[in-house]
C-alpha cells in the first residue's frame, strides 16, 4: 500500500470520487449562488432605503437625526436610525422573499406549503435575522461605537447570512422527499 492510499481503494479512483462528489453537489451550489444573488439584491434594497430615508431625509414626518427616545428598556440616541433600519429591513425581507420564492427555490418541489404560509414563516425567520441580528448589529455599531452605518450594515448582513441559509434551504423551501421507485 502506498502513502495516502486508503485500504481497499486505489489512488487512481480517488480523483474520480472527488470529481463525482463535486458534481453531485453542483445543484446545491447553483441554489447557493442564487441565494447569494437574491441576498445581495435585498442588501441593495436595504442600503437604498436607508440612504433615502436616513441620509437624504426625504420623509419630513420622521424625527431629526440624533433625536433620543426612551424605549422603556433603554434610551436610543438616534430614533430616526432605528425607524429607518426597521423599514429598510422589512422592505428587503419582502424583496428577498419574492426572489427566493420565484427564482432561488422556484425549481424545487417543496413540501406542500402555501405561499402565504411560506411568507409567514419567512417573516418569522427574518424577525430574528433581519430585525434582531442585522438591525441590532447596525444600531449597536453605529450608535454604540460610532461606526458609519454604511460600514456597519455589511457586518450585520454577514452575521445573519448563515442563519438565513439554514432556515431558507432546510425549512422554508424544504425539498419534498422523492420516492425511490425503480423506473
Foldseek 3Di string as FASTA:
>chain_A
DDPPDDPPDDPVCVVVVVVVVVVVCVVVVQLVVLLVVLLVVLVVLLVVQCCVCPVVVPDVVADHAQPWDCPPVHIQRGVSLLVSQVVSLVVSLVSSLVSCCCPSLVPAQFDPDDSVRLSVQSVVLSCVLRVPQQSVQLSCCCRVVVDDSVVSNVVSSVVSVVSNCCCVDPPSRNHDDDDPDDD
